[in-house]
Amino acid sequence: MADQVIMPVDQIVATILELRGKKVILDSDLARLYGTTTTRLNQAAKRNRDRFPEDFMFQLTSEESKILISQIVTSRSGHGGRRKLPYAFTEHGAVMAASVLNTPKAVEVSVYVVRAFVRQRALLASHAELALKLEQLEKKLLVSFTLHEDRLDDHENQLEQIIETIHEMQ
């Protein structure tokens, strides 16, 4: 494999979506990465259906497709866009797709696709770690605030007593 980067991993990471609790790349994005058409990619996957169990590839429902259309800029069917529901490929499905396409570019780019999935997992793990640290900090601040609030209440009571004493002296 050449030492040069075919496609920046960050660019591939941007195509990864979460559907049904899985990280996936839509067939149109994967076909573009592999240098083929969406139709050819999906035909190759259908011809080799036994290599694509549900955890490798699945077809979106109408509802999922509508949500994607509203969330990202995709063509609507009837206006030059898709007429069939898209397929989603998991990391394993993307690698399998490269093997059934069996083109040099698909095989080479599949390495970058795997790296993109790995990078995204690392980013998610990092975000989870940051969220945990933030939650711990929030708890500490809440405890600290409660202690200071109790002290403020004590100071407020002392000030009220001083003011009452001053009023009584008048």
N, C-alpha and C. Protein backbone atom coordinates (compact mmCIF):
# COMPACT_ATOMS: atom_id res chain seq x y z
N MET A 1 0.85 -1.18 0.00
CA MET A 1 0.00 0.00 0.00
C MET A 1 0.88 1.23 0.00
N ALA A 2 0.49 2.25 -0.67
CA ALA A 2 1.27 3.49 -0.76
C ALA A 2 1.30 4.17 0.59
N ASP A 3 2.36 4.92 0.85
CA ASP A 3 2.49 5.64 2.11
C ASP A 3 1.64 6.91 2.13
N GLN A 4 1.21 7.36 0.99
CA GLN A 4 0.43 8.59 0.95
C GLN A 4 -0.99 8.34 1.44
N VAL A 5 -1.58 9.37 1.99
CA VAL A 5 -2.93 9.26 2.52
C VAL A 5 -3.91 9.44 1.37
N ILE A 6 -4.77 8.44 1.17
CA ILE A 6 -5.77 8.49 0.11
C ILE A 6 -6.84 9.52 0.46
N MET A 7 -7.27 9.48 1.72
CA MET A 7 -8.33 10.37 2.16
C MET A 7 -8.12 10.63 3.65
N PRO A 8 -8.23 11.87 4.09
CA PRO A 8 -8.04 12.14 5.51
C PRO A 8 -9.07 11.37 6.35
N VAL A 9 -8.59 10.74 7.41
CA VAL A 9 -9.46 9.95 8.27
C VAL A 9 -10.58 10.82 8.84
N ASP A 10 -10.27 12.08 9.16
CA ASP A 10 -11.30 12.97 9.71
C ASP A 10 -12.45 13.17 8.73
N GLN A 11 -12.14 13.17 7.45
CA GLN A 11 -13.19 13.31 6.44
C GLN A 11 -14.10 12.09 6.44
N ILE A 12 -13.53 10.92 6.67
CA ILE A 12 -14.34 9.70 6.75
C ILE A 12 -15.14 9.69 8.04
N VAL A 13 -14.52 10.12 9.15
CA VAL A 13 -15.22 10.17 10.43
C VAL A 13 -16.50 11.00 10.31
N ALA A 14 -16.44 12.06 9.51
CA ALA A 14 -17.60 12.94 9.34
C ALA A 14 -18.77 12.22 8.67
N THR A 15 -18.53 11.11 7.99
CA THR A 15 -19.62 10.39 7.32
C THR A 15 -20.24 9.33 8.23
N ILE A 16 -19.64 9.08 9.38
CA ILE A 16 -20.13 8.04 10.28
C ILE A 16 -21.31 8.58 11.08
N LEU A 17 -22.39 7.84 11.06
CA LEU A 17 -23.62 8.21 11.78
C LEU A 17 -23.93 7.14 12.82
N GLU A 18 -24.83 7.48 13.73
CA GLU A 18 -25.30 6.47 14.67
C GLU A 18 -26.76 6.16 14.34
N LEU A 19 -27.02 4.90 14.05
CA LEU A 19 -28.37 4.42 13.77
C LEU A 19 -28.57 3.11 14.51
N ARG A 20 -29.70 2.98 15.16
CA ARG A 20 -30.02 1.74 15.90
C ARG A 20 -28.93 1.37 16.89
N GLY A 21 -28.30 2.39 17.45
CA GLY A 21 -27.25 2.16 18.44
C GLY A 21 -25.93 1.68 17.85
N LYS A 22 -25.80 1.75 16.53
CA LYS A 22 -24.57 1.31 15.87
C LYS A 22 -23.97 2.45 15.08
N LYS A 23 -22.66 2.46 14.98
CA LYS A 23 -21.96 3.43 14.14
C LYS A 23 -21.94 2.87 12.72
N VAL A 24 -22.42 3.65 11.77
CA VAL A 24 -22.56 3.18 10.40
C VAL A 24 -22.16 4.26 9.40
N ILE A 25 -21.92 3.80 8.17
CA ILE A 25 -21.73 4.69 7.03
C ILE A 25 -22.81 4.33 6.02
N LEU A 26 -23.49 5.33 5.50
CA LEU A 26 -24.53 5.07 4.51
C LEU A 26 -23.91 4.57 3.21
N ASP A 27 -24.69 3.80 2.48
CA ASP A 27 -24.21 3.20 1.23
C ASP A 27 -23.68 4.24 0.25
N SER A 28 -24.34 5.38 0.15
CA SER A 28 -23.89 6.41 -0.80
C SER A 28 -22.53 6.97 -0.42
N ASP A 29 -22.29 7.17 0.88
CA ASP A 29 -20.99 7.66 1.34
C ASP A 29 -19.91 6.60 1.15
N LEU A 30 -20.25 5.35 1.47
CA LEU A 30 -19.27 4.28 1.33
C LEU A 30 -18.92 4.07 -0.15
N ALA A 31 -19.91 4.13 -1.02
CA ALA A 31 -19.66 3.98 -2.46
C ALA A 31 -18.73 5.09 -2.95
N ARG A 32 -18.98 6.31 -2.50
CA ARG A 32 -18.13 7.44 -2.91
C ARG A 32 -16.69 7.21 -2.43
N LEU A 33 -16.54 6.74 -1.18
CA LEU A 33 -15.20 6.47 -0.65
C LEU A 33 -14.49 5.38 -1.45
N TYR A 34 -15.24 4.36 -1.85
CA TYR A 34 -14.66 3.23 -2.56
C TYR A 34 -14.57 3.45 -4.06
N GLY A 35 -15.01 4.61 -4.53
CA GLY A 35 -14.87 4.93 -5.94
C GLY A 35 -15.80 4.14 -6.85
N THR A 36 -17.00 3.90 -6.38
CA THR A 36 -17.98 3.18 -7.18
C THR A 36 -19.34 3.86 -7.03
N THR A 37 -20.34 3.30 -7.67
CA THR A 37 -21.69 3.87 -7.54
C THR A 37 -22.41 3.17 -6.40
N THR A 38 -23.40 3.84 -5.87
CA THR A 38 -24.21 3.26 -4.80
C THR A 38 -24.89 1.99 -5.31
N THR A 39 -25.37 2.03 -6.54
CA THR A 39 -26.04 0.87 -7.13
C THR A 39 -25.10 -0.33 -7.18
N ARG A 40 -23.87 -0.10 -7.66
CA ARG A 40 -22.91 -1.20 -7.76
C ARG A 40 -22.55 -1.76 -6.39
N LEU A 41 -22.37 -0.89 -5.40
CA LEU A 41 -22.07 -1.33 -4.04
C LEU A 41 -23.20 -2.21 -3.51
N ASN A 42 -24.43 -1.71 -3.63
CA ASN A 42 -25.57 -2.46 -3.09
C ASN A 42 -25.79 -3.77 -3.85
N GLN A 43 -25.55 -3.78 -5.15
CA GLN A 43 -25.68 -5.02 -5.93
C GLN A 43 -24.65 -6.05 -5.46
N ALA A 44 -23.43 -5.60 -5.24
CA ALA A 44 -22.38 -6.52 -4.78
C ALA A 44 -22.74 -7.09 -3.41
N ALA A 45 -23.29 -6.25 -2.53
CA ALA A 45 -23.69 -6.72 -1.20
C ALA A 45 -24.86 -7.70 -1.30
N LYS A 46 -25.82 -7.42 -2.17
CA LYS A 46 -26.97 -8.32 -2.33
C LYS A 46 -26.57 -9.66 -2.94
N ARG A 47 -25.62 -9.64 -3.88
CA ARG A 47 -25.14 -10.89 -4.48
C ARG A 47 -24.40 -11.76 -3.46
N ASN A 48 -23.89 -11.11 -2.41
CA ASN A 48 -23.13 -11.81 -1.37
C ASN A 48 -23.83 -11.67 -0.01
N ARG A 49 -25.14 -11.79 -0.03
CA ARG A 49 -25.96 -11.52 1.16
C ARG A 49 -25.50 -12.31 2.39
N ASP A 50 -25.00 -13.53 2.18
CA ASP A 50 -24.56 -14.33 3.31
C ASP A 50 -23.34 -13.72 4.02
N ARG A 51 -22.66 -12.80 3.36
CA ARG A 51 -21.51 -12.12 3.98
C ARG A 51 -21.92 -10.85 4.73
N PHE A 52 -23.21 -10.51 4.66
CA PHE A 52 -23.68 -9.27 5.27
C PHE A 52 -24.85 -9.53 6.23
N PRO A 53 -24.54 -10.12 7.39
CA PRO A 53 -25.62 -10.28 8.37
C PRO A 53 -26.09 -8.92 8.87
N GLU A 54 -27.15 -8.89 9.63
CA GLU A 54 -27.78 -7.66 10.10
C GLU A 54 -26.80 -6.75 10.87
N ASP A 55 -25.81 -7.34 11.53
CA ASP A 55 -24.86 -6.50 12.27
C ASP A 55 -23.74 -5.97 11.38
N PHE A 56 -23.76 -6.30 10.08
CA PHE A 56 -22.83 -5.74 9.11
C PHE A 56 -23.50 -4.71 8.22
N MET A 57 -24.78 -4.95 7.89
CA MET A 57 -25.49 -4.07 6.96
C MET A 57 -26.99 -4.22 7.20
N PHE A 58 -27.69 -3.10 7.15
CA PHE A 58 -29.15 -3.14 7.24
C PHE A 58 -29.74 -2.00 6.43
N GLN A 59 -30.98 -2.20 6.01
CA GLN A 59 -31.66 -1.15 5.25
C GLN A 59 -32.42 -0.26 6.21
N LEU A 60 -32.35 1.05 5.98
CA LEU A 60 -33.06 1.99 6.83
C LEU A 60 -34.56 1.86 6.63
N THR A 61 -35.30 2.19 7.67
CA THR A 61 -36.75 2.24 7.55
C THR A 61 -37.13 3.58 6.93
N SER A 62 -38.37 3.70 6.51
CA SER A 62 -38.84 4.98 5.95
C SER A 62 -38.68 6.10 6.96
N GLU A 63 -39.00 5.80 8.22
CA GLU A 63 -38.90 6.81 9.28
C GLU A 63 -37.44 7.25 9.48
N GLU A 64 -36.51 6.29 9.53
CA GLU A 64 -35.09 6.63 9.69
C GLU A 64 -34.61 7.48 8.51
N SER A 65 -35.06 7.13 7.33
CA SER A 65 -34.67 7.87 6.13
C SER A 65 -35.20 9.30 6.19
N LYS A 66 -36.44 9.47 6.62
CA LYS A 66 -37.03 10.81 6.74
C LYS A 66 -36.26 11.65 7.75
N ILE A 67 -35.88 11.04 8.85
CA ILE A 67 -35.11 11.76 9.88
C ILE A 67 -33.77 12.21 9.31
N LEU A 68 -33.11 11.32 8.57
CA LEU A 68 -31.82 11.69 7.96
C LEU A 68 -31.98 12.81 6.95
N ILE A 69 -33.04 12.75 6.16
CA ILE A 69 -33.27 13.81 5.18
C ILE A 69 -33.44 15.15 5.88
N SER A 70 -34.12 15.14 7.03
CA SER A 70 -34.34 16.40 7.74
C SER A 70 -33.09 16.86 8.48
N GLN A 71 -32.22 15.93 8.87
CA GLN A 71 -31.03 16.29 9.64
C GLN A 71 -29.84 16.66 8.78
N ILE A 72 -29.68 15.99 7.65
CA ILE A 72 -28.55 16.28 6.78
C ILE A 72 -29.07 16.56 5.39
N VAL A 73 -28.28 17.21 4.61
CA VAL A 73 -28.71 17.58 3.27
C VAL A 73 -28.60 16.37 2.36
N THR A 74 -29.73 15.76 2.09
CA THR A 74 -29.76 14.65 1.14
C THR A 74 -30.90 14.91 0.18
N SER A 75 -30.79 14.35 -0.99
CA SER A 75 -31.84 14.55 -2.00
C SER A 75 -33.09 13.79 -1.62
N ARG A 76 -34.21 14.38 -1.91
CA ARG A 76 -35.49 13.70 -1.71
C ARG A 76 -35.80 12.93 -2.98
N SER A 77 -36.44 11.78 -2.81
CA SER A 77 -36.79 11.01 -3.99
C SER A 77 -37.82 11.79 -4.81
N GLY A 78 -37.82 11.57 -6.10
CA GLY A 78 -38.74 12.30 -6.97
C GLY A 78 -38.14 13.59 -7.48
N HIS A 79 -37.00 13.98 -6.93
CA HIS A 79 -36.33 15.22 -7.35
C HIS A 79 -34.90 14.91 -7.77
N GLY A 80 -34.71 13.78 -8.41
CA GLY A 80 -33.37 13.39 -8.84
C GLY A 80 -32.61 12.67 -7.77
N GLY A 81 -33.23 12.41 -6.63
CA GLY A 81 -32.55 11.75 -5.52
C GLY A 81 -32.84 10.27 -5.49
N ARG A 82 -32.69 9.69 -4.33
CA ARG A 82 -32.86 8.24 -4.15
C ARG A 82 -34.31 7.83 -4.32
N ARG A 83 -34.48 6.65 -4.85
CA ARG A 83 -35.82 6.10 -4.98
C ARG A 83 -36.00 4.89 -4.08
N LYS A 84 -34.90 4.39 -3.52
CA LYS A 84 -34.93 3.25 -2.61
C LYS A 84 -34.35 3.67 -1.28
N LEU A 85 -34.78 2.98 -0.24
CA LEU A 85 -34.25 3.28 1.09
C LEU A 85 -32.76 2.93 1.15
N PRO A 86 -31.96 3.78 1.78
CA PRO A 86 -30.52 3.52 1.84
C PRO A 86 -30.18 2.34 2.74
N TYR A 87 -29.01 1.80 2.53
CA TYR A 87 -28.44 0.77 3.39
C TYR A 87 -27.39 1.43 4.27
N ALA A 88 -27.23 0.88 5.46
CA ALA A 88 -26.21 1.35 6.38
C ALA A 88 -25.22 0.22 6.62
N PHE A 89 -23.93 0.53 6.56
CA PHE A 89 -22.87 -0.46 6.74
C PHE A 89 -22.13 -0.15 8.04
N THR A 90 -22.01 -1.16 8.90
CA THR A 90 -21.20 -1.01 10.10
C THR A 90 -19.73 -1.13 9.70
N GLU A 91 -18.86 -1.01 10.67
CA GLU A 91 -17.42 -1.13 10.39
C GLU A 91 -17.11 -2.45 9.70
N HIS A 92 -17.65 -3.54 10.22
CA HIS A 92 -17.40 -4.85 9.63
C HIS A 92 -18.02 -4.95 8.23
N GLY A 93 -19.19 -4.36 8.07
CA GLY A 93 -19.83 -4.35 6.77
C GLY A 93 -19.05 -3.56 5.74
N ALA A 94 -18.45 -2.46 6.17
CA ALA A 94 -17.65 -1.64 5.26
C ALA A 94 -16.42 -2.41 4.77
N VAL A 95 -15.80 -3.16 5.66
CA VAL A 95 -14.64 -3.96 5.27
C VAL A 95 -15.08 -5.09 4.34
N MET A 96 -16.21 -5.72 4.67
CA MET A 96 -16.72 -6.80 3.82
C MET A 96 -17.09 -6.25 2.44
N ALA A 97 -17.64 -5.05 2.41
CA ALA A 97 -17.99 -4.44 1.11
C ALA A 97 -16.75 -4.26 0.25
N ALA A 98 -15.66 -3.86 0.87
CA ALA A 98 -14.41 -3.71 0.11
C ALA A 98 -13.97 -5.04 -0.46
N SER A 99 -14.17 -6.11 0.30
CA SER A 99 -13.73 -7.41 -0.20
C SER A 99 -14.61 -7.93 -1.32
N VAL A 100 -15.92 -7.64 -1.28
CA VAL A 100 -16.78 -8.13 -2.37
C VAL A 100 -16.67 -7.24 -3.61
N LEU A 101 -16.35 -5.96 -3.42
CA LEU A 101 -16.12 -5.10 -4.58
C LEU A 101 -14.82 -5.50 -5.27
N ASN A 102 -13.84 -5.86 -4.43
CA ASN A 102 -12.57 -6.39 -4.91
C ASN A 102 -11.88 -5.47 -5.93
N THR A 103 -11.92 -4.17 -5.64
CA THR A 103 -11.15 -3.24 -6.47
C THR A 103 -9.98 -2.75 -5.63
N PRO A 104 -8.87 -2.42 -6.26
CA PRO A 104 -7.72 -1.94 -5.49
C PRO A 104 -8.05 -0.74 -4.61
N LYS A 105 -8.83 0.22 -5.15
CA LYS A 105 -9.16 1.41 -4.36
C LYS A 105 -10.01 1.04 -3.15
N ALA A 106 -11.01 0.18 -3.32
CA ALA A 106 -11.87 -0.22 -2.21
C ALA A 106 -11.06 -0.90 -1.11
N VAL A 107 -10.16 -1.78 -1.50
CA VAL A 107 -9.33 -2.48 -0.52
C VAL A 107 -8.43 -1.48 0.21
N GLU A 108 -7.83 -0.56 -0.54
CA GLU A 108 -6.92 0.41 0.07
C GLU A 108 -7.67 1.39 0.98
N VAL A 109 -8.80 1.88 0.54
CA VAL A 109 -9.56 2.85 1.33
C VAL A 109 -10.18 2.19 2.56
N SER A 110 -10.47 0.89 2.49
CA SER A 110 -11.08 0.21 3.64
C SER A 110 -10.22 0.34 4.89
N VAL A 111 -8.91 0.39 4.71
CA VAL A 111 -8.00 0.59 5.85
C VAL A 111 -8.30 1.94 6.52
N TYR A 112 -8.52 2.96 5.72
CA TYR A 112 -8.81 4.29 6.25
C TYR A 112 -10.19 4.32 6.90
N VAL A 113 -11.12 3.56 6.34
CA VAL A 113 -12.47 3.49 6.92
C VAL A 113 -12.39 2.87 8.32
N VAL A 114 -11.63 1.79 8.45
CA VAL A 114 -11.46 1.15 9.76
C VAL A 114 -10.80 2.13 10.73
N ARG A 115 -9.78 2.84 10.27
CA ARG A 115 -9.12 3.83 11.14
C ARG A 115 -10.10 4.92 11.57
N ALA A 116 -11.01 5.29 10.70
CA ALA A 116 -12.01 6.31 11.04
C ALA A 116 -12.95 5.80 12.14
N PHE A 117 -13.39 4.56 12.02
CA PHE A 117 -14.24 3.98 13.06
C PHE A 117 -13.48 3.91 14.39
N VAL A 118 -12.22 3.50 14.34
CA VAL A 118 -11.40 3.41 15.55
C VAL A 118 -11.23 4.80 16.17
N ARG A 119 -10.95 5.81 15.33
CA ARG A 119 -10.79 7.17 15.84
C ARG A 119 -12.08 7.65 16.50
N GLN A 120 -13.20 7.34 15.89
CA GLN A 120 -14.46 7.79 16.47
C GLN A 120 -14.71 7.11 17.82
N ARG A 121 -14.38 5.82 17.92
CA ARG A 121 -14.52 5.14 19.21
C ARG A 121 -13.66 5.80 20.26
N ALA A 122 -12.44 6.17 19.88
CA ALA A 122 -11.53 6.83 20.83
C ALA A 122 -12.09 8.18 21.26
N LEU A 123 -12.65 8.92 20.31
CA LEU A 123 -13.25 10.22 20.64
C LEU A 123 -14.43 10.05 21.58
N LEU A 124 -15.26 9.05 21.32
CA LEU A 124 -16.41 8.80 22.18
C LEU A 124 -15.97 8.40 23.58
N ALA A 125 -14.93 7.57 23.66
CA ALA A 125 -14.41 7.17 24.96
C ALA A 125 -13.87 8.39 25.70
N SER A 126 -13.20 9.27 24.98
CA SER A 126 -12.67 10.49 25.57
C SER A 126 -13.81 11.37 26.08
N HIS A 127 -14.88 11.47 25.29
CA HIS A 127 -16.03 12.27 25.70
C HIS A 127 -16.68 11.66 26.94
N ALA A 128 -16.76 10.35 27.00
CA ALA A 128 -17.35 9.68 28.16
C ALA A 128 -16.51 9.96 29.40
N GLU A 129 -15.19 9.94 29.22
CA GLU A 129 -14.28 10.22 30.34
C GLU A 129 -14.45 11.67 30.81
N LEU A 130 -14.56 12.59 29.86
CA LEU A 130 -14.77 13.99 30.21
C LEU A 130 -16.11 14.19 30.92
N ALA A 131 -17.13 13.50 30.45
CA ALA A 131 -18.44 13.61 31.07
C ALA A 131 -18.39 13.11 32.51
N LEU A 132 -17.67 12.02 32.75
CA LEU A 132 -17.53 11.49 34.11
C LEU A 132 -16.80 12.49 35.00
N LYS A 133 -15.71 13.07 34.48
CA LYS A 133 -14.97 14.06 35.27
C LYS A 133 -15.84 15.29 35.56
N LEU A 134 -16.62 15.71 34.59
CA LEU A 134 -17.51 16.85 34.78
C LEU A 134 -18.56 16.55 35.85
N GLU A 135 -19.09 15.33 35.83
CA GLU A 135 -20.07 14.94 36.83
C GLU A 135 -19.45 14.94 38.23
N GLN A 136 -18.21 14.44 38.34
CA GLN A 136 -17.52 14.43 39.62
C GLN A 136 -17.27 15.86 40.12
N LEU A 137 -16.88 16.74 39.21
CA LEU A 137 -16.65 18.13 39.56
C LEU A 137 -17.95 18.79 40.02
N GLU A 138 -19.02 18.49 39.33
CA GLU A 138 -20.33 19.04 39.68
C GLU A 138 -20.74 18.61 41.09
N LYS A 139 -20.49 17.35 41.42
CA LYS A 139 -20.82 16.85 42.76
C LYS A 139 -20.00 17.57 43.83
N LYS A 140 -18.69 17.76 43.54
CA LYS A 140 -17.82 18.48 44.48
C LYS A 140 -18.31 19.91 44.69
N LEU A 141 -18.67 20.57 43.58
CA LEU A 141 -19.15 21.94 43.68
C LEU A 141 -20.46 22.02 44.46
N LEU A 142 -21.32 21.04 44.27
CA LEU A 142 -22.59 21.01 44.99
C LEU A 142 -22.35 20.86 46.48
N VAL A 143 -21.43 19.97 46.87
CA VAL A 143 -21.09 19.79 48.29
C VAL A 143 -20.50 21.08 48.84
N SER A 144 -19.58 21.67 48.07
CA SER A 144 -18.95 22.91 48.50
C SER A 144 -19.98 24.03 48.63
N PHE A 145 -20.87 24.13 47.67
CA PHE A 145 -21.91 25.16 47.70
C PHE A 145 -22.81 24.97 48.91
N THR A 146 -23.16 23.73 49.21
CA THR A 146 -24.02 23.44 50.36
C THR A 146 -23.33 23.87 51.64
N LEU A 147 -22.02 23.60 51.77
CA LEU A 147 -21.27 24.01 52.96
C LEU A 147 -21.24 25.54 53.08
N HIS A 148 -20.98 26.21 51.95
CA HIS A 148 -20.94 27.67 51.96
C HIS A 148 -22.31 28.25 52.22
N GLU A 149 -23.33 27.60 51.73
CA GLU A 149 -24.70 28.08 51.94
C GLU A 149 -25.03 28.01 53.43
N ASP A 150 -24.60 26.91 54.09
CA ASP A 150 -24.83 26.79 55.53
C ASP A 150 -24.08 27.89 56.27
N ARG A 151 -22.85 28.19 55.85
CA ARG A 151 -22.07 29.25 56.49
C ARG A 151 -22.73 30.61 56.25
N LEU A 152 -23.22 30.82 55.03
CA LEU A 152 -23.91 32.08 54.73
C LEU A 152 -25.16 32.24 55.59
N ASP A 153 -25.88 31.14 55.77
CA ASP A 153 -27.06 31.18 56.65
C ASP A 153 -26.66 31.57 58.06
N ASP A 154 -25.54 31.01 58.56
CA ASP A 154 -25.06 31.35 59.89
C ASP A 154 -24.70 32.84 59.96
N HIS A 155 -23.99 33.34 58.93
CA HIS A 155 -23.61 34.76 58.90
C HIS A 155 -24.86 35.64 58.84
N GLU A 156 -25.83 35.21 58.06
CA GLU A 156 -27.07 36.00 57.94
C GLU A 156 -27.79 36.05 59.28
N ASN A 157 -27.82 34.95 59.99
CA ASN A 157 -28.45 34.93 61.31
C ASN A 157 -27.71 35.84 62.28
N GLN A 158 -26.38 35.80 62.22
CA GLN A 158 -25.58 36.65 63.10
C GLN A 158 -25.83 38.13 62.78
N LEU A 159 -25.90 38.47 61.50
CA LEU A 159 -26.17 39.85 61.11
C LEU A 159 -27.56 40.30 61.58
N GLU A 160 -28.53 39.44 61.47
CA GLU A 160 -29.88 39.76 61.94
C GLU A 160 -29.89 40.01 63.44
N GLN A 161 -29.14 39.19 64.18
CA GLN A 161 -29.06 39.39 65.63
C GLN A 161 -28.39 40.72 65.96
N ILE A 162 -27.34 41.08 65.22
CA ILE A 162 -26.65 42.35 65.45
C ILE A 162 -27.61 43.51 65.18
N ILE A 163 -28.35 43.41 64.05
CA ILE A 163 -29.30 44.47 63.69
C ILE A 163 -30.39 44.57 64.76
N GLU A 164 -30.88 43.46 65.26
CA GLU A 164 -31.91 43.50 66.32
C GLU A 164 -31.35 44.13 67.58
N THR A 165 -30.13 43.80 67.93
CA THR A 165 -29.49 44.37 69.12
C THR A 165 -29.35 45.88 68.96
N ILE A 166 -28.95 46.32 67.77
CA ILE A 166 -28.79 47.75 67.51
C ILE A 166 -30.15 48.44 67.63
N HIS A 167 -31.20 47.83 67.09
CA HIS A 167 -32.55 48.43 67.18
C HIS A 167 -33.02 48.49 68.63
N GLU A 168 -32.68 47.50 69.42
CA GLU A 168 -33.08 47.48 70.82
C GLU A 168 -32.35 48.57 71.61
N MET A 169 -31.14 48.90 71.18
CA MET A 169 -30.33 49.90 71.88
C MET A 169 -30.85 51.30 71.62
N GLN A 170 -31.63 51.50 70.56
CA GLN A 170 -32.08 52.83 70.21
C GLN A 170 -33.23 53.28 71.04
